[in-house]
N, C-alpha and C. Protein backbone atom coordinates (compact mmCIF):
# COMPACT_ATOMS: atom_id res chain seq x y z
N MET A 1 -2.48 5.40 -21.63
CA MET A 1 -2.82 3.89 -21.84
C MET A 1 -2.97 3.34 -20.46
N PRO A 2 -4.24 2.67 -20.23
CA PRO A 2 -4.57 2.12 -18.85
C PRO A 2 -3.49 0.96 -18.49
N ILE A 3 -3.24 0.92 -17.24
CA ILE A 3 -2.43 -0.18 -16.70
C ILE A 3 -3.30 -1.40 -16.37
N SER A 4 -2.77 -2.64 -16.74
CA SER A 4 -3.56 -3.75 -16.55
C SER A 4 -3.71 -4.10 -14.99
N LYS A 5 -4.72 -4.92 -14.71
CA LYS A 5 -4.98 -5.32 -13.33
C LYS A 5 -3.78 -6.07 -12.91
N LYS A 6 -3.09 -6.91 -13.62
CA LYS A 6 -1.94 -7.59 -13.25
C LYS A 6 -0.85 -6.67 -12.83
N GLU A 7 -0.62 -5.56 -13.60
CA GLU A 7 0.45 -4.69 -13.26
C GLU A 7 0.05 -3.83 -12.04
N ILE A 8 -1.28 -3.51 -11.87
CA ILE A 8 -1.65 -2.81 -10.69
C ILE A 8 -1.36 -3.65 -9.38
N ASP A 9 -1.74 -4.96 -9.50
CA ASP A 9 -1.51 -5.91 -8.39
C ASP A 9 -0.04 -5.96 -8.04
N LYS A 10 0.79 -5.97 -9.12
CA LYS A 10 2.24 -6.07 -8.85
C LYS A 10 2.88 -4.79 -8.12
N GLN A 11 2.24 -3.62 -8.50
CA GLN A 11 2.65 -2.38 -7.95
C GLN A 11 2.08 -2.22 -6.44
N VAL A 12 0.99 -2.85 -6.25
CA VAL A 12 0.34 -2.64 -4.98
C VAL A 12 0.78 -3.72 -3.87
N ASN A 13 0.91 -4.91 -4.19
CA ASN A 13 1.12 -6.07 -3.29
C ASN A 13 2.63 -6.36 -3.35
N SER A 14 3.47 -5.93 -2.38
CA SER A 14 4.87 -6.14 -2.13
C SER A 14 5.63 -5.64 -3.46
N PRO A 15 5.53 -4.47 -3.75
CA PRO A 15 6.42 -3.93 -4.90
C PRO A 15 7.83 -4.03 -4.56
N GLU A 16 8.68 -4.37 -5.57
CA GLU A 16 10.09 -4.59 -5.39
C GLU A 16 10.85 -3.43 -4.66
N HIS A 17 10.33 -2.17 -4.93
CA HIS A 17 11.08 -1.06 -4.26
C HIS A 17 10.68 -0.84 -2.81
N TYR A 18 9.82 -1.78 -2.28
CA TYR A 18 9.48 -1.73 -0.92
C TYR A 18 10.20 -2.76 -0.03
N ILE A 19 11.05 -3.52 -0.76
CA ILE A 19 11.78 -4.71 -0.18
C ILE A 19 13.24 -4.41 -0.18
N SER A 20 13.85 -4.75 1.00
CA SER A 20 15.32 -4.58 1.11
C SER A 20 15.82 -6.02 1.72
N GLY A 21 16.59 -6.72 0.89
CA GLY A 21 16.88 -8.02 1.26
C GLY A 21 15.67 -8.92 1.31
N ASP A 22 15.37 -9.56 2.45
CA ASP A 22 14.14 -10.44 2.65
C ASP A 22 13.11 -9.64 3.39
N LEU A 23 13.33 -8.32 3.69
CA LEU A 23 12.47 -7.64 4.58
C LEU A 23 11.75 -6.55 3.77
N GLU A 24 10.36 -6.66 3.98
CA GLU A 24 9.49 -5.66 3.35
C GLU A 24 9.36 -4.40 4.21
N CYS A 25 9.29 -3.34 3.82
CA CYS A 25 9.15 -2.06 4.53
C CYS A 25 8.12 -2.18 5.68
N ILE A 26 6.96 -2.60 5.31
CA ILE A 26 5.96 -2.66 6.26
C ILE A 26 6.25 -3.58 7.50
N ASP A 27 7.01 -4.60 7.19
CA ASP A 27 7.42 -5.53 8.21
C ASP A 27 8.48 -4.92 9.18
N ALA A 28 9.31 -4.14 8.50
CA ALA A 28 10.40 -3.39 9.28
C ALA A 28 9.75 -2.37 10.18
N MET A 29 8.67 -1.65 9.64
CA MET A 29 7.93 -0.75 10.40
C MET A 29 7.27 -1.41 11.71
N VAL A 30 6.63 -2.54 11.50
CA VAL A 30 6.11 -3.23 12.62
C VAL A 30 7.12 -3.57 13.58
N SER A 31 8.26 -4.10 13.17
CA SER A 31 9.40 -4.42 14.04
C SER A 31 9.95 -3.25 14.87
N ILE A 32 9.89 -2.12 14.26
CA ILE A 32 10.49 -0.87 14.86
C ILE A 32 9.45 -0.13 15.69
N PHE A 33 8.25 0.04 15.15
CA PHE A 33 7.30 0.90 15.80
C PHE A 33 6.13 0.14 16.47
N GLY A 34 6.09 -1.14 16.16
CA GLY A 34 5.00 -1.90 16.75
C GLY A 34 3.83 -1.94 15.81
N LEU A 35 2.90 -3.00 15.98
CA LEU A 35 1.78 -3.26 15.13
C LEU A 35 0.82 -2.05 15.14
N LYS A 36 0.48 -1.72 16.32
CA LYS A 36 -0.56 -0.63 16.47
C LYS A 36 -0.19 0.67 15.75
N ARG A 37 1.05 1.20 16.00
CA ARG A 37 1.43 2.34 15.32
C ARG A 37 1.51 2.21 13.79
N THR A 38 1.91 1.03 13.40
CA THR A 38 2.02 0.80 11.86
C THR A 38 0.62 0.74 11.30
N GLN A 39 -0.40 0.20 12.12
CA GLN A 39 -1.73 0.21 11.58
C GLN A 39 -2.27 1.57 11.52
N ASP A 40 -1.91 2.44 12.48
CA ASP A 40 -2.35 3.83 12.48
C ASP A 40 -1.78 4.55 11.25
N TYR A 41 -0.58 4.31 10.96
CA TYR A 41 0.11 4.82 9.79
C TYR A 41 -0.67 4.42 8.56
N ALA A 42 -1.04 3.10 8.47
CA ALA A 42 -1.72 2.53 7.32
C ALA A 42 -3.07 3.19 7.15
N GLU A 43 -3.73 3.48 8.14
CA GLU A 43 -5.00 4.19 8.10
C GLU A 43 -4.79 5.56 7.46
N ILE A 44 -3.88 6.24 7.88
CA ILE A 44 -3.51 7.62 7.28
C ILE A 44 -3.11 7.48 5.82
N ALA A 45 -2.25 6.56 5.51
CA ALA A 45 -1.81 6.30 4.14
C ALA A 45 -3.01 5.90 3.30
N ALA A 46 -3.93 5.19 3.76
CA ALA A 46 -5.18 4.96 2.99
C ALA A 46 -5.93 6.15 2.57
N PHE A 47 -5.96 7.15 3.51
CA PHE A 47 -6.62 8.44 3.22
C PHE A 47 -5.93 9.08 2.16
N LYS A 48 -4.58 9.09 2.30
CA LYS A 48 -3.81 9.85 1.25
C LYS A 48 -4.09 9.25 -0.17
N TYR A 49 -4.19 7.99 -0.41
CA TYR A 49 -4.36 7.45 -1.61
C TYR A 49 -5.79 7.75 -2.17
N VAL A 50 -6.79 7.83 -1.31
CA VAL A 50 -8.14 8.30 -1.74
C VAL A 50 -8.09 9.75 -2.17
N TYR A 51 -7.38 10.42 -1.30
CA TYR A 51 -7.44 11.92 -1.46
C TYR A 51 -6.77 12.38 -2.82
N ARG A 52 -5.77 11.63 -3.19
CA ARG A 52 -5.06 12.09 -4.42
C ARG A 52 -5.33 11.08 -5.64
N ALA A 53 -6.25 10.22 -5.49
CA ALA A 53 -6.54 9.33 -6.56
C ALA A 53 -6.77 10.00 -7.85
N GLY A 54 -6.08 9.63 -8.91
CA GLY A 54 -6.11 10.16 -10.24
C GLY A 54 -5.56 11.46 -10.47
N LYS A 55 -4.81 12.10 -9.45
CA LYS A 55 -4.32 13.33 -9.62
C LYS A 55 -2.70 13.33 -10.09
N LYS A 56 -2.08 12.26 -9.96
CA LYS A 56 -0.73 12.10 -10.27
C LYS A 56 -0.49 11.82 -11.73
N ALA A 57 0.33 12.52 -12.40
CA ALA A 57 0.63 12.28 -13.81
C ALA A 57 1.18 10.82 -13.97
N GLY A 58 0.52 10.11 -14.99
CA GLY A 58 1.08 8.77 -15.22
C GLY A 58 0.61 7.67 -14.26
N ASN A 59 -0.26 8.08 -13.27
CA ASN A 59 -0.65 7.15 -12.34
C ASN A 59 -2.13 7.14 -12.27
N PRO A 60 -2.77 6.12 -12.95
CA PRO A 60 -4.22 6.02 -13.01
C PRO A 60 -4.89 5.97 -11.55
N ALA A 61 -5.98 6.40 -11.58
CA ALA A 61 -6.89 6.29 -10.23
C ALA A 61 -6.92 4.89 -9.70
N ALA A 62 -7.01 3.94 -10.58
CA ALA A 62 -7.08 2.57 -10.19
C ALA A 62 -6.08 2.05 -9.30
N GLN A 63 -4.85 2.47 -9.48
CA GLN A 63 -3.73 2.10 -8.60
C GLN A 63 -3.87 2.74 -7.35
N ASP A 64 -4.20 4.05 -7.30
CA ASP A 64 -4.35 4.69 -5.94
C ASP A 64 -5.48 4.08 -5.22
N LYS A 65 -6.60 3.67 -5.89
CA LYS A 65 -7.72 3.04 -5.09
C LYS A 65 -7.28 1.62 -4.55
N ALA A 66 -6.43 0.89 -5.41
CA ALA A 66 -6.11 -0.37 -4.89
C ALA A 66 -5.15 -0.17 -3.61
N LYS A 67 -4.28 0.81 -3.73
CA LYS A 67 -3.43 1.00 -2.61
C LYS A 67 -4.27 1.52 -1.33
N ASN A 68 -5.23 2.28 -1.53
CA ASN A 68 -6.21 2.61 -0.45
C ASN A 68 -6.84 1.44 0.23
N ILE A 69 -7.11 0.38 -0.61
CA ILE A 69 -7.80 -0.86 -0.11
C ILE A 69 -6.68 -1.56 0.64
N TRP A 70 -5.43 -1.72 0.09
CA TRP A 70 -4.37 -2.40 0.72
C TRP A 70 -4.14 -1.85 2.14
N TYR A 71 -3.94 -0.51 2.16
CA TYR A 71 -3.66 0.09 3.53
C TYR A 71 -4.90 0.04 4.43
N THR A 72 -6.00 0.18 3.96
CA THR A 72 -7.30 0.07 4.84
C THR A 72 -7.27 -1.38 5.47
N ARG A 73 -7.12 -2.41 4.58
CA ARG A 73 -7.14 -3.72 5.11
C ARG A 73 -6.08 -3.93 6.23
N PHE A 74 -4.82 -3.40 5.86
CA PHE A 74 -3.74 -3.68 6.83
C PHE A 74 -4.03 -2.89 8.21
N SER A 75 -4.68 -1.75 8.02
CA SER A 75 -5.04 -0.95 9.29
C SER A 75 -6.01 -1.53 10.26
N MET A 76 -6.76 -2.58 9.49
CA MET A 76 -7.84 -3.35 10.22
C MET A 76 -7.40 -4.58 10.76
N GLY A 77 -6.05 -4.92 10.47
CA GLY A 77 -5.51 -6.20 10.96
C GLY A 77 -5.50 -7.37 9.92
N ASP A 78 -5.91 -7.02 8.75
CA ASP A 78 -6.00 -7.97 7.60
C ASP A 78 -4.82 -7.71 6.56
N ASP A 79 -3.82 -8.60 6.75
CA ASP A 79 -2.63 -8.29 5.89
C ASP A 79 -2.93 -8.78 4.55
N PRO A 80 -2.98 -7.97 3.55
CA PRO A 80 -3.38 -8.29 2.15
C PRO A 80 -2.40 -9.15 1.45
N ARG A 81 -1.19 -9.29 1.91
CA ARG A 81 -0.16 -10.17 1.34
C ARG A 81 -0.41 -11.60 1.60
N LYS A 82 -1.34 -11.97 2.53
CA LYS A 82 -1.63 -13.28 2.99
C LYS A 82 -2.81 -13.86 2.35
């Protein structure tokens, strides 16, 4: 059964399991490693999502593609959460 766009958006943009207290993981990464290194990580993560799109059981390709876009945008300095 396909996942709705609303559910995909929920899983891609600030998913609950990426947040600890008031701090999202990507923000903690920027704080610890710096923006440039976190953007480099995001570029690599974007590749990962395209590479495995549609290959995970129970995870439709649409979610992996959306995550690719999210990480690509972040790697380019465009925070998709804003």
